[in-house]
Amino acid sequence: MLRSSLRLAIAALLAFAAFVPSHETVAEGMVATWTLAPEGEAEFVADLNAARAAQGLAPLSVDSSMRAAARDWAIWMAENVTLQHAGDIVTGAPADWTKVGENVGRGGSVVSVFNAFMASPGHAANVLDPKYTRVGVGMVWNADGVLYTTHRFAATTSGPAPTPTATPVPAAPTATPVPKPTAAPAPTAAPVIPTPTLPQLAFVDDTGAATPERVRATMSILLAATD
């Protein structure tokens, strides 16, 4: 426990030693309004990494927990119209942090504040510290058009924050081939039964007259026998 507390105290001292924060106060009961500026945060991160790249340093990866903590402090400064360091700069840092630092600033634009950071040896030392691998940037605009920003830096045993992996898009299911229906065999044509050429029969009764009923009966028997 003592070792952990000592490590925290040393890290905090390293982070704070470079800064001489200025202070302003707001009348009691007054709260300034603010607007979160994620596009400004992204611009600051790009500028930080460009400055590091110019020195041959690896880029800082954005840590979402550190960014949330940095935003909270930037909001607090904007609401209180003051510029000062947080009493706890470890909040939001990864559990395996070995060193943390903080830059705070305010001004009229991202460019002007970033240039002011790089013109200050202490602030630039945080930006260009080769041990830092992660960053969280928070930025807000107040109602007067002044930006307030907090930059949190951390060195960790696990290195840069992992890049979020894209959710894999499931492959389209393979269509089950639909078997082609087997053509039903063509029905065997019924044999063509030739119409028998019937003799011109005529049953003659005793009187010699033709009897149609007897002729029809004889034809039926012939057809049945042919089937």
Protein backbone atom coordinates (compact mmCIF):
# COMPACT_ATOMS: atom_id res chain seq x y z
CA MET A 1 0.00 0.00 0.00
CA LEU A 2 2.83 2.37 0.89
CA ARG A 3 4.63 1.59 -2.39
CA SER A 4 1.46 2.26 -4.36
CA SER A 5 0.89 5.59 -2.60
CA LEU A 6 4.50 6.59 -3.16
CA ARG A 7 4.28 5.75 -6.86
CA LEU A 8 1.16 7.86 -7.17
CA ALA A 9 2.75 10.78 -5.36
CA ILE A 10 5.88 10.65 -7.54
CA ALA A 11 3.87 10.41 -10.75
CA ALA A 12 1.66 13.30 -9.73
CA LEU A 13 4.71 15.38 -8.82
CA LEU A 14 6.26 14.73 -12.22
CA ALA A 15 3.06 15.76 -13.91
CA PHE A 16 2.52 18.92 -11.91
CA ALA A 17 6.07 20.19 -11.65
CA ALA A 18 5.98 21.64 -15.15
CA PHE A 19 2.91 23.81 -14.63
CA VAL A 20 2.10 27.11 -13.00
CA PRO A 21 -1.67 27.22 -13.41
CA SER A 22 -3.46 30.55 -13.48
CA HIS A 23 -6.67 31.06 -11.56
CA GLU A 24 -9.88 32.97 -11.95
CA THR A 25 -12.97 32.79 -9.85
CA VAL A 26 -16.63 33.19 -10.65
CA ALA A 27 -19.14 34.86 -8.36
CA GLU A 28 -20.81 32.42 -6.01
CA GLY A 29 -23.93 30.86 -7.48
CA MET A 30 -22.95 31.63 -11.10
CA VAL A 31 -22.33 28.80 -13.52
CA ALA A 32 -20.97 29.37 -17.01
CA THR A 33 -22.48 27.48 -19.91
CA TRP A 34 -20.44 25.24 -22.18
CA THR A 35 -20.63 23.09 -25.30
CA LEU A 36 -18.67 19.91 -25.84
CA ALA A 37 -16.37 20.03 -28.90
CA PRO A 38 -15.41 16.53 -30.11
CA GLU A 39 -14.10 17.93 -33.41
CA GLY A 40 -11.69 20.14 -31.47
CA GLU A 41 -10.59 17.14 -29.40
CA ALA A 42 -9.78 15.23 -32.59
CA GLU A 43 -7.82 18.21 -33.90
CA PHE A 44 -5.76 18.36 -30.71
CA VAL A 45 -4.97 14.63 -30.94
CA ALA A 46 -3.86 15.06 -34.55
CA ASP A 47 -1.62 17.98 -33.58
CA LEU A 48 -0.14 16.05 -30.65
CA ASN A 49 0.72 13.09 -32.86
CA ALA A 50 2.09 15.30 -35.63
CA ALA A 51 4.45 16.91 -33.10
CA ARG A 52 5.52 13.47 -31.86
CA ALA A 53 6.03 12.16 -35.39
CA ALA A 54 8.31 15.11 -36.13
CA GLN A 55 10.51 13.88 -33.27
CA GLY A 56 10.39 10.25 -34.37
CA LEU A 57 8.05 9.25 -31.54
CA ALA A 58 5.20 6.77 -31.70
CA PRO A 59 1.69 8.26 -31.79
CA LEU A 60 -0.53 8.40 -28.74
CA SER A 61 -3.66 6.28 -28.88
CA VAL A 62 -6.92 7.69 -27.54
CA ASP A 63 -8.10 6.03 -24.33
CA SER A 64 -11.86 6.43 -23.95
CA SER A 65 -11.79 6.39 -20.13
CA MET A 66 -9.08 9.03 -20.01
CA ARG A 67 -11.01 11.13 -22.53
CA ALA A 68 -14.14 10.97 -20.36
CA ALA A 69 -12.14 12.13 -17.33
CA ALA A 70 -10.48 14.91 -19.36
CA ARG A 71 -13.89 16.10 -20.55
CA ASP A 72 -15.20 16.19 -17.00
CA TRP A 73 -12.35 18.45 -15.92
CA ALA A 74 -12.62 20.72 -18.97
CA ILE A 75 -16.34 21.13 -18.19
CA TRP A 76 -15.56 21.94 -14.56
CA MET A 77 -13.10 24.65 -15.62
CA ALA A 78 -15.56 26.15 -18.10
CA GLU A 79 -18.38 26.16 -15.56
CA ASN A 80 -16.19 27.84 -12.99
CA VAL A 81 -14.40 30.13 -15.46
CA THR A 82 -11.03 29.06 -14.10
CA LEU A 83 -7.87 27.37 -15.29
CA GLN A 84 -6.23 24.93 -12.89
CA HIS A 85 -5.13 21.35 -12.61
CA ALA A 86 -7.34 18.63 -11.25
CA GLY A 87 -6.63 17.40 -7.75
CA ASP A 88 -6.74 13.84 -9.12
CA ILE A 89 -5.24 13.26 -12.55
CA VAL A 90 -5.26 9.49 -12.18
CA THR A 91 -9.02 9.15 -12.55
CA GLY A 92 -9.75 7.34 -15.81
CA ALA A 93 -6.19 6.11 -16.28
CA PRO A 94 -5.72 2.40 -17.05
CA ALA A 95 -5.14 0.16 -14.05
CA ASP A 96 -1.61 -0.64 -15.23
CA TRP A 97 -0.47 2.98 -15.50
CA THR A 98 3.14 3.73 -14.55
CA LYS A 99 3.18 7.48 -15.15
CA VAL A 100 0.48 10.10 -15.76
CA GLY A 101 0.50 13.76 -16.73
CA GLU A 102 -1.89 16.58 -17.48
CA ASN A 103 -1.91 19.74 -19.60
CA VAL A 104 -4.72 22.27 -19.23
CA GLY A 105 -5.30 25.36 -21.30
CA ARG A 106 -7.78 27.88 -22.63
CA GLY A 107 -7.84 30.26 -25.54
CA GLY A 108 -9.57 31.32 -28.70
CA SER A 109 -8.69 28.37 -30.95
CA VAL A 110 -7.15 24.92 -31.02
CA VAL A 111 -4.15 26.28 -32.92
CA SER A 112 -3.41 29.07 -30.45
CA VAL A 113 -3.69 26.81 -27.39
CA PHE A 114 -1.62 24.05 -28.98
CA ASN A 115 1.08 26.52 -29.99
CA ALA A 116 1.12 27.84 -26.43
CA PHE A 117 1.58 24.29 -25.12
CA MET A 118 4.52 23.65 -27.44
CA ALA A 119 6.09 27.01 -26.57
CA SER A 120 6.11 26.00 -22.89
CA PRO A 121 8.96 23.58 -22.06
CA GLY A 122 6.96 21.88 -19.32
CA HIS A 123 3.82 21.35 -21.42
CA ALA A 124 5.84 20.28 -24.47
CA ALA A 125 7.65 17.75 -22.27
CA ASN A 126 4.35 15.98 -21.67
CA VAL A 127 3.48 16.02 -25.37
CA LEU A 128 6.90 14.63 -26.37
CA ASP A 129 7.45 12.18 -23.51
CA PRO A 130 8.43 8.89 -25.22
CA LYS A 131 7.05 6.87 -22.30
CA TYR A 132 3.50 8.06 -22.85
CA THR A 133 1.41 5.83 -25.09
CA ARG A 134 -2.14 6.93 -24.33
CA VAL A 135 -3.98 10.23 -24.27
CA GLY A 136 -7.42 11.54 -23.40
CA VAL A 137 -8.40 14.99 -24.63
CA GLY A 138 -11.46 16.89 -23.44
CA MET A 139 -12.54 20.24 -24.86
CA VAL A 140 -15.51 22.57 -24.44
CA TRP A 141 -16.45 26.05 -25.62
CA ASN A 142 -18.02 28.45 -23.15
CA ALA A 143 -20.67 31.03 -23.98
CA ASP A 144 -18.00 33.69 -24.55
CA GLY A 145 -16.28 31.68 -27.29
CA VAL A 146 -13.36 30.58 -25.14
CA LEU A 147 -12.22 26.98 -25.32
CA TYR A 148 -11.18 25.05 -22.23
CA THR A 149 -9.20 21.88 -22.70
CA THR A 150 -7.65 19.13 -20.60
CA HIS A 151 -5.09 16.66 -21.93
CA ARG A 152 -4.35 13.55 -19.89
CA PHE A 153 -1.31 11.40 -20.70
CA ALA A 154 -0.44 7.92 -19.46
CA ALA A 155 2.34 5.38 -19.74
CA THR A 156 1.20 1.81 -19.17
CA THR A 157 2.76 -1.63 -19.04
CA SER A 158 0.30 -2.76 -21.73
CA GLY A 159 1.24 -0.02 -24.20
CA PRO A 160 -1.21 1.77 -26.51
CA ALA A 161 -4.94 1.35 -26.14
CA PRO A 162 -6.22 -1.53 -28.25
CA THR A 163 -7.82 -0.53 -31.51
CA PRO A 164 -11.52 -1.39 -31.43
CA THR A 165 -12.14 -4.35 -33.67
CA ALA A 166 -14.87 -4.02 -36.22
CA THR A 167 -17.81 -6.29 -35.67
CA PRO A 168 -17.48 -8.98 -38.32
CA VAL A 169 -20.25 -9.00 -40.84
CA PRO A 170 -21.71 -12.48 -40.93
CA ALA A 171 -21.28 -14.16 -44.25
CA ALA A 172 -24.40 -14.59 -46.25
CA PRO A 173 -25.77 -18.07 -45.73
CA THR A 174 -24.90 -20.44 -48.51
CA ALA A 175 -27.99 -21.04 -50.50
CA THR A 176 -29.07 -24.62 -50.35
CA PRO A 177 -29.23 -25.79 -53.91
CA VAL A 178 -32.76 -26.58 -54.90
CA PRO A 179 -32.76 -29.92 -56.65
CA LYS A 180 -34.18 -29.76 -60.06
CA PRO A 181 -37.38 -31.70 -60.17
CA THR A 182 -37.00 -34.95 -62.03
CA ALA A 183 -39.21 -34.84 -64.99
CA ALA A 184 -41.94 -37.36 -64.68
CA PRO A 185 -41.55 -39.99 -67.33
CA ALA A 186 -43.79 -39.37 -70.20
CA PRO A 187 -46.73 -41.68 -69.90
CA THR A 188 -46.49 -44.57 -72.21
CA ALA A 189 -48.92 -43.95 -74.91
CA ALA A 190 -51.68 -46.41 -74.85
CA PRO A 191 -51.39 -48.63 -77.82
CA VAL A 192 -53.40 -47.40 -80.59
CA ILE A 193 -56.02 -49.97 -81.08
CA PRO A 194 -56.87 -50.11 -84.63
CA THR A 195 -60.47 -49.81 -85.22
CA PRO A 196 -61.40 -53.19 -86.46
CA THR A 197 -62.89 -53.34 -89.78
CA LEU A 198 -66.00 -55.11 -88.97
CA PRO A 199 -67.63 -57.15 -91.47
CA GLN A 200 -70.86 -55.86 -92.47
CA LEU A 201 -72.67 -58.36 -90.36
CA ALA A 202 -76.23 -58.57 -90.27
CA PHE A 203 -78.05 -60.98 -88.19
CA VAL A 204 -80.94 -62.21 -89.93
CA ASP A 205 -83.73 -63.67 -88.10
CA ASP A 206 -85.95 -66.24 -89.37
CA THR A 207 -87.80 -63.67 -91.29
CA GLY A 208 -84.61 -62.49 -92.98
CA ALA A 209 -84.87 -58.92 -91.64
CA ALA A 210 -81.74 -57.25 -90.11
CA THR A 211 -81.86 -56.77 -86.34
CA PRO A 212 -79.78 -53.67 -85.21
CA GLU A 213 -79.60 -54.78 -81.57
CA ARG A 214 -77.82 -57.97 -82.52
CA VAL A 215 -75.36 -56.05 -84.69
CA ARG A 216 -74.38 -53.71 -81.78
CA ALA A 217 -73.86 -56.63 -79.42
CA THR A 218 -71.54 -58.35 -81.81
CA MET A 219 -69.38 -55.21 -82.22
CA SER A 220 -68.96 -54.89 -78.44
CA ILE A 221 -67.68 -58.37 -78.14
CA LEU A 222 -65.15 -57.81 -80.88
CA LEU A 223 -63.78 -54.61 -79.28
CA ALA A 224 -63.47 -56.23 -75.85
CA ALA A 225 -61.59 -59.11 -77.27
CA THR A 226 -59.15 -56.74 -79.00
CA ASP A 227 -58.09 -54.99 -75.67
